[in-house]
Amino acid sequence: MARSATRKRPAAPAADGGANPKAPCPCGSGRRYKHCHGSGYAPPVTRPFEGLPGEEHWVALRELVPAATAPLRTADGRDVTLASVLPGGAPALVRANGEILLGVQLQGSSDDVSRDLGTALAAALEAPAGAPVDPGPLGGAGSAGPRLQELVDTTAPLEVTVHEDFGFWLEGVEAGAAARAGLEQANAAILPTELLPGLGAAYWVRPGTERAHLRWVRPEPEEQLLDALARLRASGEILLGEGTRYAGAFRAHGLLVPVWDLPAGTPAADWTDAATAFQGRLEEALAATAPLTADERRARAGLLSRQITLR
């Protein structure tokens, strides 16, 4: 799902007497006017899910988790089911009973994923029960609707449920043979995935018979987290136990996702204690204020060499 062309920047508040190209943009972004609204194009939104409850889980459902749902509530009190992905990559569905489903994994996206999803959600909220949802163009030159932060109740926590398959697609629906065949095909491609309890967005996944992984979307700013991980690596405390290996990290939607290789034969639940212990070590490292030592700086450079940017 590669990002498409940059979206046109919405109009900014007019500055008295005209904006100075080198002055801060009157929209309040903190950028110079010539690099923001003065350019005519919107810069990419680095953290599209910032300000939403469970930002880390939004990132995980968008990039890492095959089958998961979460109850979502709009600012005006309407209930929505958030889903990792919907049949055919549809952005949203409205069932005959009026239930609304919003899919995080879109077939295309612009430089502001929040606006893409907000556009789809706004269209679903207006669509009649059982009718197709037509949000208009998503991605490409830019989605025209509101951002998620304008629609979602940001006081309600996000509670994610990971599913073994995509059976939730057809819950309460009289599906035909083609729909059931599509469901079976999608289920065949699912990687076993579990959410470790009480540890935020820590997702265990087993892609094969040889190794499993822990992918942990972290909420901390990247530089602060890298310093803390460097301290733990230099002290030999970055591993989760015997047979584990720190594999590297993804960058996704402004957050860092450390990844560990784990023995495939150990069930996901057996890693909760080790991950909880690591969380304690990480919190201590995050609280450290002393400059990095020479060994820690070398460890940090090694961590940087193992990072891959997804979005």
Protein backbone atom coordinates (compact mmCIF):
# COMPACT_ATOMS: atom_id res chain seq x y z
CA MET A 1 0.00 0.00 0.00
CA ALA A 2 2.43 2.62 -1.14
CA ARG A 3 1.54 6.25 -0.67
CA SER A 4 0.39 8.13 -3.73
CA ALA A 5 0.94 11.66 -4.96
CA THR A 6 0.96 14.47 -2.44
CA ARG A 7 -2.44 15.96 -1.65
CA LYS A 8 -3.33 19.58 -2.21
CA ARG A 9 -3.07 21.63 0.97
CA PRO A 10 -6.42 23.01 2.24
CA ALA A 11 -6.64 26.77 2.47
CA ALA A 12 -4.87 28.43 5.38
CA PRO A 13 -6.14 31.41 7.33
CA ALA A 14 -5.13 34.54 5.46
CA ALA A 15 -2.36 36.60 7.03
CA ASP A 16 -2.90 40.35 7.39
CA GLY A 17 -1.20 42.12 4.50
CA GLY A 18 -0.10 38.85 2.89
CA ALA A 19 2.13 36.12 4.31
CA ASN A 20 5.91 36.48 4.43
CA PRO A 21 7.33 33.33 2.75
CA LYS A 22 9.97 33.03 5.49
CA ALA A 23 7.55 33.69 8.37
CA PRO A 24 5.72 30.92 10.29
CA CYS A 25 2.66 29.73 8.43
CA PRO A 26 -0.57 31.24 9.83
CA CYS A 27 -2.10 27.75 10.04
CA GLY A 28 0.00 27.13 13.16
CA SER A 29 2.00 24.18 11.84
CA GLY A 30 5.31 25.72 12.91
CA ARG A 31 6.69 25.49 9.36
CA ARG A 32 7.65 28.46 7.22
CA TYR A 33 4.81 29.67 5.02
CA LYS A 34 6.72 28.82 1.81
CA HIS A 35 7.13 25.22 2.96
CA CYS A 36 3.54 24.82 4.19
CA HIS A 37 0.41 26.51 2.80
CA GLY A 38 2.55 28.80 0.66
CA SER A 39 3.83 25.81 -1.27
CA GLY A 40 0.33 24.79 -2.36
CA TYR A 41 0.92 21.20 -1.24
CA ALA A 42 0.57 19.44 2.10
CA PRO A 43 3.66 17.91 3.65
CA PRO A 44 3.21 14.26 4.64
CA VAL A 45 1.58 13.71 8.02
CA THR A 46 4.25 11.78 9.91
CA ARG A 47 1.95 10.57 12.70
CA PRO A 48 -1.54 10.32 11.18
CA PHE A 49 -3.00 8.57 14.25
CA GLU A 50 -1.59 10.98 16.83
CA GLY A 51 -4.27 12.11 19.27
CA LEU A 52 -6.43 9.01 18.79
CA PRO A 53 -6.86 6.57 21.68
CA GLY A 54 -4.53 3.62 21.25
CA GLU A 55 -2.33 5.22 18.60
CA GLU A 56 0.05 2.26 18.75
CA HIS A 57 -2.80 -0.17 18.02
CA TRP A 58 -3.95 1.89 15.03
CA VAL A 59 -0.41 1.53 13.63
CA ALA A 60 -0.38 -2.21 14.36
CA LEU A 61 -3.77 -2.83 12.74
CA ARG A 62 -2.71 -0.77 9.73
CA GLU A 63 0.66 -2.49 9.14
CA LEU A 64 1.17 -5.65 11.21
CA VAL A 65 -1.99 -7.46 12.31
CA PRO A 66 -3.94 -9.59 9.81
CA ALA A 67 -7.32 -10.05 11.54
CA ALA A 68 -8.49 -7.85 14.40
CA THR A 69 -11.40 -5.65 15.41
CA ALA A 70 -12.09 -2.96 18.01
CA PRO A 71 -15.23 -1.10 19.04
CA LEU A 72 -15.07 2.55 18.02
CA ARG A 73 -17.38 5.41 18.95
CA THR A 74 -17.87 8.62 17.04
CA ALA A 75 -17.94 12.02 18.69
CA ASP A 76 -21.74 12.09 18.34
CA GLY A 77 -22.15 8.68 20.00
CA ARG A 78 -22.53 6.31 17.06
CA ASP A 79 -20.95 2.84 17.32
CA VAL A 80 -18.53 1.62 14.66
CA THR A 81 -16.48 -1.57 14.38
CA LEU A 82 -12.88 -0.88 13.45
CA ALA A 83 -11.32 -3.75 11.48
CA SER A 84 -7.78 -4.43 10.33
CA VAL A 85 -9.02 -5.19 6.81
CA LEU A 86 -12.39 -5.70 5.10
CA PRO A 87 -13.30 -7.94 2.13
CA GLY A 88 -11.63 -6.76 -1.04
CA GLY A 89 -9.81 -4.04 0.86
CA ALA A 90 -13.05 -2.02 1.10
CA PRO A 91 -12.61 1.14 3.17
CA ALA A 92 -15.99 0.75 4.92
CA LEU A 93 -19.18 -1.32 4.94
CA VAL A 94 -22.69 -0.75 6.24
CA ARG A 95 -24.55 -3.98 6.92
CA ALA A 96 -28.29 -4.47 6.47
CA ASN A 97 -28.77 -4.09 10.24
CA GLY A 98 -27.03 -0.70 10.13
CA GLU A 99 -23.71 -1.89 11.64
CA ILE A 100 -20.78 0.15 10.31
CA LEU A 101 -17.34 -1.39 9.75
CA LEU A 102 -14.26 0.71 8.99
CA GLY A 103 -11.17 -0.97 7.50
CA VAL A 104 -7.74 0.39 8.42
CA GLN A 105 -5.82 -1.32 5.62
CA LEU A 106 -6.78 0.55 2.46
CA GLN A 107 -5.81 -0.34 -1.10
CA GLY A 108 -4.48 3.18 -1.64
CA SER A 109 -3.61 6.10 0.59
CA SER A 110 -2.44 9.68 0.47
CA ASP A 111 0.09 11.46 2.67
CA ASP A 112 -2.53 11.72 5.43
CA VAL A 113 -3.93 8.29 6.26
CA SER A 114 -6.14 9.82 8.94
CA ARG A 115 -7.96 11.92 6.34
CA ASP A 116 -8.33 8.90 4.04
CA LEU A 117 -9.96 6.88 6.83
CA GLY A 118 -11.97 9.85 8.04
CA THR A 119 -13.33 10.33 4.52
CA ALA A 120 -14.40 6.67 4.42
CA LEU A 121 -15.97 6.85 7.88
CA ALA A 122 -17.89 10.04 7.09
CA ALA A 123 -19.33 8.39 3.97
CA ALA A 124 -20.32 5.28 5.92
CA LEU A 125 -22.08 7.37 8.56
CA GLU A 126 -24.23 8.90 5.81
CA ALA A 127 -24.86 5.70 3.83
CA PRO A 128 -28.22 3.88 4.16
CA ALA A 129 -28.21 0.46 5.82
CA GLY A 130 -27.15 -2.27 3.42
CA ALA A 131 -26.07 0.20 0.75
CA PRO A 132 -22.55 0.36 -0.72
CA VAL A 133 -20.30 3.01 0.80
CA ASP A 134 -18.94 5.47 -1.76
CA PRO A 135 -16.40 7.79 -0.12
CA GLY A 136 -15.17 9.12 -3.46
CA PRO A 137 -11.48 8.98 -4.37
CA LEU A 138 -9.18 7.93 -1.53
CA GLY A 139 -5.46 8.61 -1.71
CA GLY A 140 -4.03 9.86 -4.97
CA ALA A 141 -4.56 13.60 -5.15
CA GLY A 142 -5.99 13.51 -1.64
CA SER A 143 -9.15 12.59 0.22
CA ALA A 144 -11.71 15.33 0.61
CA GLY A 145 -13.33 14.44 3.94
CA PRO A 146 -12.52 15.09 7.60
CA ARG A 147 -9.70 13.50 9.57
CA LEU A 148 -10.41 10.70 12.06
CA GLN A 149 -9.57 13.05 14.93
CA GLU A 150 -12.56 15.18 13.93
CA LEU A 151 -14.98 12.23 14.00
CA VAL A 152 -13.85 9.84 16.73
CA ASP A 153 -14.55 10.12 20.45
CA THR A 154 -10.97 10.53 21.68
CA THR A 155 -11.94 9.87 25.32
CA ALA A 156 -12.95 6.24 24.70
CA PRO A 157 -10.13 3.66 24.97
CA LEU A 158 -9.40 1.35 22.04
CA GLU A 159 -9.83 -2.32 23.02
CA VAL A 160 -8.44 -4.62 20.31
CA THR A 161 -9.53 -8.22 19.78
CA VAL A 162 -7.27 -10.37 17.59
CA HIS A 163 -9.07 -13.08 15.62
CA GLU A 164 -7.80 -16.41 14.34
CA ASP A 165 -9.53 -15.83 11.01
CA PHE A 166 -11.74 -13.38 9.11
CA GLY A 167 -15.00 -14.92 10.26
CA PHE A 168 -16.11 -11.52 11.55
CA TRP A 169 -16.57 -10.48 7.91
CA LEU A 170 -19.68 -12.62 7.64
CA GLU A 171 -21.10 -12.44 11.18
CA GLY A 172 -24.86 -12.03 10.97
CA VAL A 173 -24.74 -12.13 7.16
CA GLU A 174 -26.30 -14.72 4.84
CA ALA A 175 -23.26 -15.21 2.64
CA GLY A 176 -23.31 -16.79 -0.78
CA ALA A 177 -20.87 -19.32 -2.15
CA ALA A 178 -18.56 -16.66 -3.62
CA ALA A 179 -18.30 -14.82 -0.29
CA ARG A 180 -17.57 -18.05 1.59
CA ALA A 181 -14.91 -19.00 -0.95
CA GLY A 182 -13.29 -15.59 -0.61
CA LEU A 183 -13.31 -15.96 3.17
CA GLU A 184 -11.60 -19.35 2.96
CA GLN A 185 -8.96 -17.97 0.65
CA ALA A 186 -8.25 -15.04 2.98
CA ASN A 187 -8.12 -17.31 6.03
CA ALA A 188 -5.52 -19.50 4.35
CA ALA A 189 -3.09 -16.57 4.22
CA ILE A 190 -3.38 -15.52 7.89
CA LEU A 191 -0.28 -15.70 10.09
CA PRO A 192 -1.05 -16.82 13.67
CA THR A 193 -1.06 -13.61 15.75
CA GLU A 194 -1.78 -12.86 19.42
CA LEU A 195 -1.80 -9.72 21.56
CA LEU A 196 0.17 -10.06 24.79
CA PRO A 197 -2.08 -8.84 27.64
CA GLY A 198 -1.23 -5.74 29.65
CA LEU A 199 1.69 -4.66 27.45
CA GLY A 200 0.17 -2.15 25.06
CA ALA A 201 0.61 -2.98 21.38
CA ALA A 202 2.87 -6.04 21.83
CA TYR A 203 1.91 -8.55 19.13
CA TRP A 204 3.29 -12.09 18.85
CA VAL A 205 3.27 -13.57 15.34
CA ARG A 206 4.47 -16.89 13.93
CA PRO A 207 5.22 -16.62 10.19
CA GLY A 208 6.53 -20.19 9.89
CA THR A 209 7.72 -23.29 11.70
CA GLU A 210 11.24 -22.04 12.40
CA ARG A 211 10.78 -18.69 14.16
CA ALA A 212 8.18 -16.49 15.79
CA HIS A 213 8.42 -12.76 16.39
CA LEU A 214 7.36 -10.18 18.93
CA ARG A 215 6.48 -6.89 17.23
CA TRP A 216 5.97 -4.17 19.81
CA VAL A 217 4.68 -0.78 18.67
CA ARG A 218 6.06 1.73 21.16
CA PRO A 219 4.54 5.13 22.05
CA GLU A 220 7.81 6.90 22.95
CA PRO A 221 9.51 9.46 20.70
CA GLU A 222 11.98 7.66 18.43
CA GLU A 223 15.17 9.35 19.65
CA GLN A 224 14.33 8.76 23.31
CA LEU A 225 13.44 5.13 22.66
CA LEU A 226 16.61 4.53 20.65
CA ASP A 227 18.75 5.87 23.50
CA ALA A 228 16.99 3.57 25.96
CA LEU A 229 17.35 0.52 23.69
CA ALA A 230 21.02 1.36 23.19
CA ARG A 231 21.57 1.35 26.95
CA LEU A 232 19.90 -2.04 27.23
CA ARG A 233 21.82 -3.50 24.31
CA ALA A 234 25.15 -2.30 25.68
CA SER A 235 24.36 -3.86 29.05
CA GLY A 236 23.13 -7.13 27.52
CA GLU A 237 19.57 -6.59 28.71
CA ILE A 238 17.77 -6.16 25.39
CA LEU A 239 16.92 -9.85 24.90
CA LEU A 240 13.73 -11.53 26.09
CA GLY A 241 15.36 -14.75 27.20
CA GLU A 242 17.19 -17.83 25.97
CA GLY A 243 16.93 -18.43 22.26
CA THR A 244 15.75 -14.89 21.50
CA ARG A 245 17.40 -12.27 19.31
CA TYR A 246 16.77 -8.56 18.80
CA ALA A 247 16.10 -8.45 15.06
CA GLY A 248 15.71 -4.71 14.49
CA ALA A 249 12.83 -2.27 14.22
CA PHE A 250 10.25 -0.90 11.81
CA ARG A 251 9.37 2.76 11.52
CA ALA A 252 5.66 3.05 10.86
CA HIS A 253 3.48 6.18 10.91
CA GLY A 254 5.84 8.05 13.19
CA LEU A 255 6.33 5.30 15.77
CA LEU A 256 9.08 2.74 16.27
CA VAL A 257 8.31 -1.01 16.30
CA PRO A 258 11.11 -3.10 17.88
CA VAL A 259 11.10 -6.74 16.74
CA TRP A 260 12.51 -9.82 18.48
CA ASP A 261 13.04 -13.29 17.00
CA LEU A 262 11.60 -16.00 19.27
CA PRO A 263 11.61 -19.80 19.22
CA ALA A 264 8.56 -20.89 17.21
CA GLY A 265 7.67 -23.73 19.54
CA THR A 266 7.01 -21.55 22.57
CA PRO A 267 3.37 -20.39 22.86
CA ALA A 268 2.65 -16.67 22.81
CA ALA A 269 1.35 -16.64 26.39
CA ASP A 270 4.70 -17.91 27.67
CA TRP A 271 6.37 -14.65 26.58
CA THR A 272 4.19 -12.36 28.70
CA ASP A 273 6.42 -12.56 31.80
CA ALA A 274 9.62 -11.99 29.81
CA ALA A 275 8.09 -9.04 27.98
CA THR A 276 6.81 -7.59 31.27
CA ALA A 277 10.31 -7.84 32.74
CA PHE A 278 11.73 -6.13 29.66
CA GLN A 279 9.14 -3.37 30.03
CA GLY A 280 10.50 -2.69 33.52
CA ARG A 281 14.09 -2.54 32.26
CA LEU A 282 13.04 -0.26 29.41
CA GLU A 283 11.26 2.15 31.77
CA GLU A 284 14.44 2.45 33.84
CA ALA A 285 16.49 3.09 30.70
CA LEU A 286 13.99 5.68 29.49
CA ALA A 287 14.32 7.52 32.80
CA ALA A 288 18.14 7.71 32.57
CA THR A 289 19.48 11.20 31.88
CA ALA A 290 23.25 10.64 31.68
CA PRO A 291 24.87 10.97 28.23
CA LEU A 292 25.38 7.72 26.37
CA THR A 293 28.72 6.05 26.95
CA ALA A 294 31.00 5.07 24.08
CA ASP A 295 29.67 1.49 24.20
CA GLU A 296 26.10 2.75 24.23
CA ARG A 297 26.74 5.04 21.26
CA ARG A 298 28.14 2.09 19.31
CA ALA A 299 25.11 0.04 20.30
CA ARG A 300 22.84 2.85 19.12
CA ALA A 301 24.57 2.95 15.73
CA GLY A 302 24.01 -0.80 15.42
CA LEU A 303 20.32 -0.39 16.22
CA LEU A 304 19.96 2.29 13.56
CA SER A 305 21.45 -0.02 10.95
CA ARG A 306 18.67 -2.54 11.64
CA GLN A 307 15.72 -0.19 11.11
CA ILE A 308 13.35 -0.32 8.16
CA THR A 309 10.77 2.35 7.35
CA LEU A 310 7.37 0.93 6.41
CA ARG A 311 5.48 4.24 6.11
